[in-house]
Amino acid sequence: MGMISLRHVNEMRPDEVRALIRKGEITGPTAGMAGGFTQANLVILKKELAFEFLLFCQRNQKPCPILDVTDPGSPVPSITAPDADIRTDFPKYRVYKRGELADEVTDISSLWEDDMVVFLIGCSFTFEQALMNNGIPVRHIEEKRNVPMYQTNIPCVPAGRFQGPMVVSMRPVPEEQAVRAVQVTSRLPAVHGGPVHIGSPEAIGITDIAKPDFGDAVTIKKGEVPVFWACGVTPQAVAMHARPELMITHSPGHMLVTDVRDEQFGVL
């Protein structure tokens, strides 16, 4: 991120952050940026697969809460960020071909086709501001790392060719604040909502908490419990099962900062 401090970026407007991403001045994870504004995960598919994926998201709203879907061929998310360009405004993208990770790039303009459909999916980075506002620490922000994410043994509900395991993100929470963390995040169902699991990683198929499948390991201190939320990286795990000819996603932790304020997705 060069000379740009995280605090400075936290106080920027979403369009300012996107401009820096477009210029290549921000290339890393976006946690903590443009505080108070919703961030989004990405899935791009050809139109022929779009309905099946939309159905998959509808059946699996915890890991795949949809915030916006573009018209076929349009790179503009007109509901959540009408001045954004999906092709340039994520810091990093992953390109999957037939279910295999083929490339990781910072711009997908050369890959864009006129039958592509963009799905923006709610991101747990959104509720981190709410956690911090309630005095609950967010370790990967403290340690300037990407959030740890794990593939689980929790199956998603299949839809057409899309099926596979849920991916979760983990944040260590002091035991006495675990209930508060559930209450705070449950009020934000459009960005994954409350946790899917608290405690023993082995119970959901995670054999080594120190070795996440995506992102970075973080410190779990004495007196803390691991808390797991459904994660928008789930479609990347599902892609490995569905094996579409082409699927483009964000690189884990590298999100689109939208113009929508977090509280617009909250419930009282």
C-alpha atoms as a PDB file:
ATOM      1  CA  MET A   1       0.000   0.000   0.000  1.00  0.00           C
ATOM      2  CA  GLY A   2       3.066   2.248  -0.099  1.00  0.00           C
ATOM      3  CA  MET A   3       2.826   5.379   2.057  1.00  0.00           C
ATOM      4  CA  ILE A   4      -0.953   5.193   2.520  1.00  0.00           C
ATOM      5  CA  SER A   5      -1.771   4.412   6.157  1.00  0.00           C
ATOM      6  CA  LEU A   6      -4.634   2.074   7.058  1.00  0.00           C
ATOM      7  CA  ARG A   7      -6.153   4.774   9.250  1.00  0.00           C
ATOM      8  CA  HIS A   8      -6.107   7.209   6.352  1.00  0.00           C
ATOM      9  CA  VAL A   9      -7.755   4.654   4.037  1.00  0.00           C
ATOM     10  CA  ASN A  10     -10.344   3.846   6.722  1.00  0.00           C
ATOM     11  CA  GLU A  11     -11.462   7.479   6.595  1.00  0.00           C
ATOM     12  CA  MET A  12     -11.645   7.693   2.781  1.00  0.00           C
ATOM     13  CA  ARG A  13     -14.816   7.618   0.704  1.00  0.00           C
ATOM     14  CA  PRO A  14     -15.455   4.402  -1.286  1.00  0.00           C
ATOM     15  CA  ASP A  15     -14.847   6.118  -4.632  1.00  0.00           C
ATOM     16  CA  GLU A  16     -11.450   7.350  -3.375  1.00  0.00           C
ATOM     17  CA  VAL A  17     -10.443   3.840  -2.355  1.00  0.00           C
ATOM     18  CA  ARG A  18     -11.597   2.432  -5.715  1.00  0.00           C
ATOM     19  CA  ALA A  19      -9.593   5.112  -7.553  1.00  0.00           C
ATOM     20  CA  LEU A  20      -6.427   4.077  -5.690  1.00  0.00           C
ATOM     21  CA  ILE A  21      -7.131   0.416  -6.488  1.00  0.00           C
ATOM     22  CA  ARG A  22      -7.665   1.266 -10.165  1.00  0.00           C
ATOM     23  CA  LYS A  23      -4.305   3.075 -10.234  1.00  0.00           C
ATOM     24  CA  GLY A  24      -2.554   0.119  -8.606  1.00  0.00           C
ATOM     25  CA  GLU A  25      -1.729   2.065  -5.443  1.00  0.00           C
ATOM     26  CA  ILE A  26      -3.735  -0.366  -3.283  1.00  0.00           C
ATOM     27  CA  THR A  27      -3.008  -4.005  -4.114  1.00  0.00           C
ATOM     28  CA  GLY A  28      -3.594  -5.833  -0.824  1.00  0.00           C
ATOM     29  CA  PRO A  29      -6.546  -6.946   1.314  1.00  0.00           C
ATOM     30  CA  THR A  30      -9.245  -4.310   1.863  1.00  0.00           C
ATOM     31  CA  ALA A  31     -10.197  -5.043   5.498  1.00  0.00           C
ATOM     32  CA  GLY A  32     -10.671  -1.794   7.416  1.00  0.00           C
ATOM     33  CA  MET A  33     -10.890   0.439   4.329  1.00  0.00           C
ATOM     34  CA  ALA A  34     -13.626   3.102   3.893  1.00  0.00           C
ATOM     35  CA  GLY A  35     -15.013   2.362   7.341  1.00  0.00           C
ATOM     36  CA  GLY A  36     -18.805   2.092   7.467  1.00  0.00           C
ATOM     37  CA  PHE A  37     -19.238   1.096   3.823  1.00  0.00           C
ATOM     38  CA  THR A  38     -20.149  -2.403   2.671  1.00  0.00           C
ATOM     39  CA  GLN A  39     -17.550  -4.508   0.887  1.00  0.00           C
ATOM     40  CA  ALA A  40     -18.422  -7.229  -1.611  1.00  0.00           C
ATOM     41  CA  ASN A  41     -17.101 -10.551  -2.844  1.00  0.00           C
ATOM     42  CA  LEU A  42     -17.143 -11.298  -6.573  1.00  0.00           C
ATOM     43  CA  VAL A  43     -18.292 -14.072  -8.892  1.00  0.00           C
ATOM     44  CA  ILE A  44     -18.352 -13.623 -12.678  1.00  0.00           C
ATOM     45  CA  LEU A  45     -19.888 -16.334 -14.853  1.00  0.00           C
ATOM     46  CA  LYS A  46     -21.144 -16.690 -18.399  1.00  0.00           C
ATOM     47  CA  LYS A  47     -24.851 -15.991 -18.844  1.00  0.00           C
ATOM     48  CA  GLU A  48     -25.617 -19.685 -19.493  1.00  0.00           C
ATOM     49  CA  LEU A  49     -24.633 -20.528 -15.890  1.00  0.00           C
ATOM     50  CA  ALA A  50     -26.013 -17.404 -14.228  1.00  0.00           C
ATOM     51  CA  PHE A  51     -29.443 -18.778 -13.330  1.00  0.00           C
ATOM     52  CA  GLU A  52     -28.013 -21.916 -11.722  1.00  0.00           C
ATOM     53  CA  PHE A  53     -25.632 -19.816  -9.651  1.00  0.00           C
ATOM     54  CA  LEU A  54     -28.405 -17.400  -8.669  1.00  0.00           C
ATOM     55  CA  LEU A  55     -30.415 -20.415  -7.497  1.00  0.00           C
ATOM     56  CA  PHE A  56     -27.385 -21.702  -5.571  1.00  0.00           C
ATOM     57  CA  CYS A  57     -27.096 -18.350  -3.779  1.00  0.00           C
ATOM     58  CA  GLN A  58     -30.823 -18.282  -3.022  1.00  0.00           C
ATOM     59  CA  ARG A  59     -30.526 -21.728  -1.411  1.00  0.00           C
ATOM     60  CA  ASN A  60     -27.326 -20.834   0.488  1.00  0.00           C
ATOM     61  CA  GLN A  61     -27.910 -17.311   1.734  1.00  0.00           C
ATOM     62  CA  LYS A  62     -25.543 -17.587   4.726  1.00  0.00           C
ATOM     63  CA  PRO A  63     -22.364 -17.983   2.635  1.00  0.00           C
ATOM     64  CA  CYS A  64     -23.738 -16.305  -0.524  1.00  0.00           C
ATOM     65  CA  PRO A  65     -25.936 -13.282   0.338  1.00  0.00           C
ATOM     66  CA  ILE A  66     -26.407 -11.414  -2.960  1.00  0.00           C
ATOM     67  CA  LEU A  67     -26.002  -7.625  -2.890  1.00  0.00           C
ATOM     68  CA  ASP A  68     -26.097  -6.917  -6.636  1.00  0.00           C
ATOM     69  CA  VAL A  69     -26.289  -8.669 -10.025  1.00  0.00           C
ATOM     70  CA  THR A  70     -25.370  -6.906 -13.265  1.00  0.00           C
ATOM     71  CA  ASP A  71     -27.102  -7.098 -16.605  1.00  0.00           C
ATOM     72  CA  PRO A  72     -25.297  -9.506 -18.977  1.00  0.00           C
ATOM     73  CA  GLY A  73     -22.260  -7.776 -20.464  1.00  0.00           C
ATOM     74  CA  SER A  74     -22.312  -4.854 -18.025  1.00  0.00           C
ATOM     75  CA  PRO A  75     -19.303  -4.352 -15.721  1.00  0.00           C
ATOM     76  CA  VAL A  76     -21.186  -1.709 -13.704  1.00  0.00           C
ATOM     77  CA  PRO A  77     -22.882  -2.669 -10.388  1.00  0.00           C
ATOM     78  CA  SER A  78     -25.659  -0.101 -10.790  1.00  0.00           C
ATOM     79  CA  ILE A  79     -27.303  -0.716  -7.400  1.00  0.00           C
ATOM     80  CA  THR A  80     -24.299  -0.814  -5.067  1.00  0.00           C
ATOM     81  CA  ALA A  81     -21.631   1.286  -6.839  1.00  0.00           C
ATOM     82  CA  PRO A  82     -22.861   2.899 -10.091  1.00  0.00           C
ATOM     83  CA  ASP A  83     -19.507   4.641 -10.722  1.00  0.00           C
ATOM     84  CA  ALA A  84     -17.475   1.450 -10.283  1.00  0.00           C
ATOM     85  CA  ASP A  85     -15.997  -0.811 -12.953  1.00  0.00           C
ATOM     86  CA  ILE A  86     -15.878  -4.460 -11.955  1.00  0.00           C
ATOM     87  CA  ARG A  87     -12.954  -5.048 -14.340  1.00  0.00           C
ATOM     88  CA  THR A  88     -10.534  -2.764 -12.491  1.00  0.00           C
ATOM     89  CA  ASP A  89     -11.851  -1.952  -9.009  1.00  0.00           C
ATOM     90  CA  PHE A  90     -10.880  -5.076  -7.073  1.00  0.00           C
ATOM     91  CA  PRO A  91      -7.230  -5.129  -5.938  1.00  0.00           C
ATOM     92  CA  LYS A  92      -6.783  -8.704  -7.167  1.00  0.00           C
ATOM     93  CA  TYR A  93      -8.768 -11.329  -9.075  1.00  0.00           C
ATOM     94  CA  ARG A  94      -8.618 -15.080  -9.471  1.00  0.00           C
ATOM     95  CA  VAL A  95      -9.312 -16.707 -12.838  1.00  0.00           C
ATOM     96  CA  TYR A  96     -10.604 -20.300 -12.738  1.00  0.00           C
ATOM     97  CA  LYS A  97     -10.693 -22.464 -15.852  1.00  0.00           C
ATOM     98  CA  ARG A  98     -12.589 -25.758 -15.604  1.00  0.00           C
ATOM     99  CA  GLY A  99     -12.372 -25.531 -11.810  1.00  0.00           C
ATOM    100  CA  GLU A 100      -8.605 -25.004 -11.675  1.00  0.00           C
ATOM    101  CA  LEU A 101      -6.990 -21.743 -10.574  1.00  0.00           C
ATOM    102  CA  ALA A 102      -5.346 -20.541 -13.797  1.00  0.00           C
ATOM    103  CA  ASP A 103      -4.212 -17.021 -12.922  1.00  0.00           C
ATOM    104  CA  GLU A 104      -4.237 -14.198 -10.385  1.00  0.00           C
ATOM    105  CA  VAL A 105      -4.369 -10.701 -11.909  1.00  0.00           C
ATOM    106  CA  THR A 106      -5.045  -7.059 -10.948  1.00  0.00           C
ATOM    107  CA  ASP A 107      -7.180  -6.184 -14.013  1.00  0.00           C
ATOM    108  CA  ILE A 108      -9.624  -8.350 -15.987  1.00  0.00           C
ATOM    109  CA  SER A 109     -10.409  -5.935 -18.847  1.00  0.00           C
ATOM    110  CA  SER A 110      -8.730  -8.236 -21.381  1.00  0.00           C
ATOM    111  CA  LEU A 111     -10.843 -11.197 -20.173  1.00  0.00           C
ATOM    112  CA  TRP A 112     -14.185  -9.390 -20.301  1.00  0.00           C
ATOM    113  CA  GLU A 113     -16.877 -10.743 -22.658  1.00  0.00           C
ATOM    114  CA  ASP A 114     -20.327  -9.438 -23.545  1.00  0.00           C
ATOM    115  CA  ASP A 115     -22.202 -12.416 -22.065  1.00  0.00           C
ATOM    116  CA  MET A 116     -20.681 -12.191 -18.577  1.00  0.00           C
ATOM    117  CA  VAL A 117     -22.854 -11.695 -15.498  1.00  0.00           C
ATOM    118  CA  VAL A 118     -21.437 -10.229 -12.277  1.00  0.00           C
ATOM    119  CA  PHE A 119     -22.596 -11.288  -8.824  1.00  0.00           C
ATOM    120  CA  LEU A 120     -21.604  -9.200  -5.807  1.00  0.00           C
ATOM    121  CA  ILE A 121     -21.891 -11.124  -2.557  1.00  0.00           C
ATOM    122  CA  GLY A 122     -21.965  -9.762   0.989  1.00  0.00           C
ATOM    123  CA  CYS A 123     -18.649  -9.789   2.835  1.00  0.00           C
ATOM    124  CA  SER A 124     -17.939 -10.344   6.520  1.00  0.00           C
ATOM    125  CA  PHE A 125     -15.566  -7.356   6.514  1.00  0.00           C
ATOM    126  CA  THR A 126     -18.775  -5.314   6.783  1.00  0.00           C
ATOM    127  CA  PHE A 127     -19.680  -6.554  10.240  1.00  0.00           C
ATOM    128  CA  GLU A 128     -16.144  -6.086  11.564  1.00  0.00           C
ATOM    129  CA  GLN A 129     -16.826  -2.383  12.076  1.00  0.00           C
ATOM    130  CA  ALA A 130     -19.873  -3.350  14.146  1.00  0.00           C
ATOM    131  CA  LEU A 131     -17.753  -5.755  16.225  1.00  0.00           C
ATOM    132  CA  MET A 132     -15.124  -3.091  16.876  1.00  0.00           C
ATOM    133  CA  ASN A 133     -17.824  -0.546  17.747  1.00  0.00           C
ATOM    134  CA  ASN A 134     -18.906  -3.003  20.455  1.00  0.00           C
ATOM    135  CA  GLY A 135     -15.391  -3.364  21.859  1.00  0.00           C
ATOM    136  CA  ILE A 136     -14.789  -6.781  20.299  1.00  0.00           C
ATOM    137  CA  PRO A 137     -11.261  -7.072  18.840  1.00  0.00           C
ATOM    138  CA  VAL A 138     -10.717  -8.087  15.209  1.00  0.00           C
ATOM    139  CA  ARG A 139      -7.381  -9.853  15.250  1.00  0.00           C
ATOM    140  CA  HIS A 140      -6.448  -9.877  11.546  1.00  0.00           C
ATOM    141  CA  ILE A 141      -6.900  -6.098  11.389  1.00  0.00           C
ATOM    142  CA  GLU A 142      -4.772  -5.705  14.526  1.00  0.00           C
ATOM    143  CA  GLU A 143      -2.077  -7.927  13.015  1.00  0.00           C
ATOM    144  CA  LYS A 144      -2.391  -6.379   9.516  1.00  0.00           C
ATOM    145  CA  ARG A 145      -3.163  -9.750   7.942  1.00  0.00           C
ATOM    146  CA  ASN A 146      -5.846 -11.249   5.735  1.00  0.00           C
ATOM    147  CA  VAL A 147      -8.695 -12.957   7.590  1.00  0.00           C
ATOM    148  CA  PRO A 148      -8.181 -16.750   7.989  1.00  0.00           C
ATOM    149  CA  MET A 149     -10.650 -18.843   5.962  1.00  0.00           C
ATOM    150  CA  TYR A 150     -11.247 -22.595   6.053  1.00  0.00           C
ATOM    151  CA  GLN A 151     -13.040 -25.182   3.966  1.00  0.00           C
ATOM    152  CA  THR A 152     -15.448 -27.134   6.201  1.00  0.00           C
ATOM    153  CA  ASN A 153     -17.415 -30.369   6.116  1.00  0.00           C
ATOM    154  CA  ILE A 154     -20.693 -28.379   6.078  1.00  0.00           C
ATOM    155  CA  PRO A 155     -22.351 -29.105   2.703  1.00  0.00           C
ATOM    156  CA  CYS A 156     -24.090 -26.381   0.734  1.00  0.00           C
ATOM    157  CA  VAL A 157     -27.524 -27.063  -0.746  1.00  0.00           C
ATOM    158  CA  PRO A 158     -26.863 -28.022  -4.416  1.00  0.00           C
ATOM    159  CA  ALA A 159     -28.325 -26.156  -7.390  1.00  0.00           C
ATOM    160  CA  GLY A 160     -27.744 -27.574 -10.853  1.00  0.00           C
ATOM    161  CA  ARG A 161     -24.007 -27.941 -11.371  1.00  0.00           C
ATOM    162  CA  PHE A 162     -23.150 -25.955  -8.246  1.00  0.00           C
ATOM    163  CA  GLN A 163     -22.457 -27.943  -5.106  1.00  0.00           C
ATOM    164  CA  GLY A 164     -19.711 -28.249  -2.542  1.00  0.00           C
ATOM    165  CA  PRO A 165     -18.616 -27.370   1.005  1.00  0.00           C
ATOM    166  CA  MET A 166     -19.111 -24.106   2.880  1.00  0.00           C
ATOM    167  CA  VAL A 167     -16.060 -21.939   3.508  1.00  0.00           C
ATOM    168  CA  VAL A 168     -15.934 -20.050   6.815  1.00  0.00           C
ATOM    169  CA  SER A 169     -13.919 -17.111   8.121  1.00  0.00           C
ATOM    170  CA  MET A 170     -12.626 -17.182  11.707  1.00  0.00           C
ATOM    171  CA  ARG A 171     -12.128 -14.461  14.297  1.00  0.00           C
ATOM    172  CA  PRO A 172     -10.901 -15.213  17.832  1.00  0.00           C
ATOM    173  CA  VAL A 173     -13.217 -13.629  20.415  1.00  0.00           C
ATOM    174  CA  PRO A 174     -12.741 -13.390  24.196  1.00  0.00           C
ATOM    175  CA  GLU A 175     -15.007 -16.009  25.759  1.00  0.00           C
ATOM    176  CA  GLU A 176     -16.977 -13.429  27.730  1.00  0.00           C
ATOM    177  CA  GLN A 177     -17.743 -11.497  24.507  1.00  0.00           C
ATOM    178  CA  ALA A 178     -18.804 -14.458  22.339  1.00  0.00           C
ATOM    179  CA  VAL A 179     -22.528 -13.977  22.966  1.00  0.00           C
ATOM    180  CA  ARG A 180     -22.224 -10.269  22.135  1.00  0.00           C
ATOM    181  CA  ALA A 181     -20.439 -11.153  18.869  1.00  0.00           C
ATOM    182  CA  VAL A 182     -23.383 -13.379  17.937  1.00  0.00           C
ATOM    183  CA  GLN A 183     -25.891 -10.619  18.748  1.00  0.00           C
ATOM    184  CA  VAL A 184     -23.996  -7.937  16.815  1.00  0.00           C
ATOM    185  CA  THR A 185     -23.485  -9.951  13.620  1.00  0.00           C
ATOM    186  CA  SER A 186     -26.949 -11.552  13.632  1.00  0.00           C
ATOM    187  CA  ARG A 187     -28.345  -8.090  12.924  1.00  0.00           C
ATOM    188  CA  LEU A 188     -26.548  -8.076   9.551  1.00  0.00           C
ATOM    189  CA  PRO A 189     -28.010 -11.014   7.573  1.00  0.00           C
ATOM    190  CA  ALA A 190     -27.096  -9.467   4.196  1.00  0.00           C
ATOM    191  CA  VAL A 191     -23.421  -9.866   5.085  1.00  0.00           C
ATOM    192  CA  HIS A 192     -23.439 -13.450   6.431  1.00  0.00           C
ATOM    193  CA  GLY A 193     -25.266 -12.735   9.706  1.00  0.00           C
ATOM    194  CA  GLY A 194     -24.466 -14.632  12.894  1.00  0.00           C
ATOM    195  CA  PRO A 195     -21.811 -17.342  13.231  1.00  0.00           C
ATOM    196  CA  VAL A 196     -22.342 -20.866  11.927  1.00  0.00           C
ATOM    197  CA  HIS A 197     -20.095 -22.400  14.604  1.00  0.00           C
ATOM    198  CA  ILE A 198     -18.320 -21.481  17.846  1.00  0.00           C
ATOM    199  CA  GLY A 199     -15.523 -23.498  19.415  1.00  0.00           C
ATOM    200  CA  SER A 200     -14.023 -26.815  18.316  1.00  0.00           C
ATOM    201  CA  PRO A 201     -12.674 -26.479  14.744  1.00  0.00           C
ATOM    202  CA  GLU A 202     -12.616 -30.273  14.379  1.00  0.00           C
ATOM    203  CA  ALA A 203     -16.406 -30.412  14.672  1.00  0.00           C
ATOM    204  CA  ILE A 204     -16.716 -28.709  11.273  1.00  0.00           C
ATOM    205  CA  GLY A 205     -13.847 -30.548   9.604  1.00  0.00           C
ATOM    206  CA  ILE A 206     -10.964 -28.124  10.259  1.00  0.00           C
ATOM    207  CA  THR A 207      -7.968 -30.225  11.251  1.00  0.00           C
ATOM    208  CA  ASP A 208      -5.418 -27.457  11.863  1.00  0.00           C
ATOM    209  CA  ILE A 209      -6.580 -23.967  12.855  1.00  0.00           C
ATOM    210  CA  ALA A 210      -3.024 -22.684  12.279  1.00  0.00           C
ATOM    211  CA  LYS A 211      -3.202 -23.611   8.578  1.00  0.00           C
ATOM    212  CA  PRO A 212      -6.111 -21.802   6.876  1.00  0.00           C
ATOM    213  CA  ASP A 213      -7.061 -22.797   3.318  1.00  0.00           C
ATOM    214  CA  PHE A 214      -7.266 -19.110   2.349  1.00  0.00           C
ATOM    215  CA  GLY A 215      -5.885 -15.972   4.005  1.00  0.00           C
ATOM    216  CA  ASP A 216      -3.462 -15.866   6.936  1.00  0.00           C
ATOM    217  CA  ALA A 217      -3.263 -17.514  10.343  1.00  0.00           C
ATOM    218  CA  VAL A 218      -3.832 -15.176  13.306  1.00  0.00           C
ATOM    219  CA  THR A 219      -3.006 -15.394  17.006  1.00  0.00           C
ATOM    220  CA  ILE A 220      -5.600 -17.004  19.273  1.00  0.00           C
ATOM    221  CA  LYS A 221      -4.877 -15.815  22.816  1.00  0.00           C
ATOM    222  CA  LYS A 222      -5.567 -17.562  26.111  1.00  0.00           C
ATOM    223  CA  GLY A 223      -9.195 -17.073  27.077  1.00  0.00           C
ATOM    224  CA  GLU A 224     -10.360 -16.653  23.482  1.00  0.00           C
ATOM    225  CA  VAL A 225     -12.652 -18.916  21.472  1.00  0.00           C
ATOM    226  CA  PRO A 226     -12.580 -19.291  17.671  1.00  0.00           C
ATOM    227  CA  VAL A 227     -15.821 -18.029  16.113  1.00  0.00           C
ATOM    228  CA  PHE A 228     -16.690 -19.044  12.541  1.00  0.00           C
ATOM    229  CA  TRP A 229     -18.881 -17.162  10.066  1.00  0.00           C
ATOM    230  CA  ALA A 230     -20.074 -18.314   6.634  1.00  0.00           C
ATOM    231  CA  CYS A 231     -17.760 -16.814   4.004  1.00  0.00           C
ATOM    232  CA  GLY A 232     -18.211 -15.447   0.487  1.00  0.00           C
ATOM    233  CA  VAL A 233     -15.171 -17.426  -0.657  1.00  0.00           C
ATOM    234  CA  THR A 234     -17.547 -20.429  -0.687  1.00  0.00           C
ATOM    235  CA  PRO A 235     -18.193 -20.010  -4.472  1.00  0.00           C
ATOM    236  CA  GLN A 236     -14.485 -20.554  -5.111  1.00  0.00           C
ATOM    237  CA  ALA A 237     -14.642 -23.919  -3.349  1.00  0.00           C
ATOM    238  CA  VAL A 238     -17.863 -24.701  -5.227  1.00  0.00           C
ATOM    239  CA  ALA A 239     -16.210 -23.780  -8.548  1.00  0.00           C
ATOM    240  CA  MET A 240     -13.730 -26.576  -8.032  1.00  0.00           C
ATOM    241  CA  HIS A 241     -16.655 -28.996  -8.003  1.00  0.00           C
ATOM    242  CA  ALA A 242     -18.789 -27.399 -10.756  1.00  0.00           C
ATOM    243  CA  ARG A 243     -15.759 -26.850 -13.035  1.00  0.00           C
ATOM    244  CA  PRO A 244     -17.265 -24.124 -15.278  1.00  0.00           C
ATOM    245  CA  GLU A 245     -15.305 -23.298 -18.421  1.00  0.00           C
ATOM    246  CA  LEU A 246     -14.504 -19.855 -16.981  1.00  0.00           C
ATOM    247  CA  MET A 247     -15.205 -18.255 -13.621  1.00  0.00           C
ATOM    248  CA  ILE A 248     -13.621 -15.078 -12.264  1.00  0.00           C
ATOM    249  CA  THR A 249     -13.668 -14.217  -8.552  1.00  0.00           C
ATOM    250  CA  HIS A 250     -11.910 -11.818  -6.188  1.00  0.00           C
ATOM    251  CA  SER A 251      -8.737 -13.029  -4.518  1.00  0.00           C
ATOM    252  CA  PRO A 252      -9.677 -13.845  -0.909  1.00  0.00           C
ATOM    253  CA  GLY A 253      -9.669 -10.670   1.187  1.00  0.00           C
ATOM    254  CA  HIS A 254      -9.410  -8.350  -1.846  1.00  0.00           C
ATOM    255  CA  MET A 255     -12.909  -6.833  -2.090  1.00  0.00           C
ATOM    256  CA  LEU A 256     -14.920  -4.185  -3.876  1.00  0.00           C
ATOM    257  CA  VAL A 257     -15.701  -1.230  -1.614  1.00  0.00           C
ATOM    258  CA  THR A 258     -19.288  -0.248  -2.487  1.00  0.00           C
ATOM    259  CA  ASP A 259     -21.168   3.027  -1.960  1.00  0.00           C
ATOM    260  CA  VAL A 260     -23.713   1.356   0.325  1.00  0.00           C
ATOM    261  CA  ARG A 261     -23.481   2.062   4.039  1.00  0.00           C
ATOM    262  CA  ASP A 262     -23.334  -0.947   6.355  1.00  0.00           C
ATOM    263  CA  GLU A 263     -26.441   0.039   8.297  1.00  0.00           C
ATOM    264  CA  GLN A 264     -28.553  -0.241   5.131  1.00  0.00           C
ATOM    265  CA  PHE A 265     -28.139  -4.017   5.445  1.00  0.00           C
ATOM    266  CA  GLY A 266     -28.919  -4.161   9.150  1.00  0.00           C
ATOM    267  CA  VAL A 267     -32.083  -5.283  10.907  1.00  0.00           C
ATOM    268  CA  LEU A 268     -33.317  -3.927  14.233  1.00  0.00           C
END
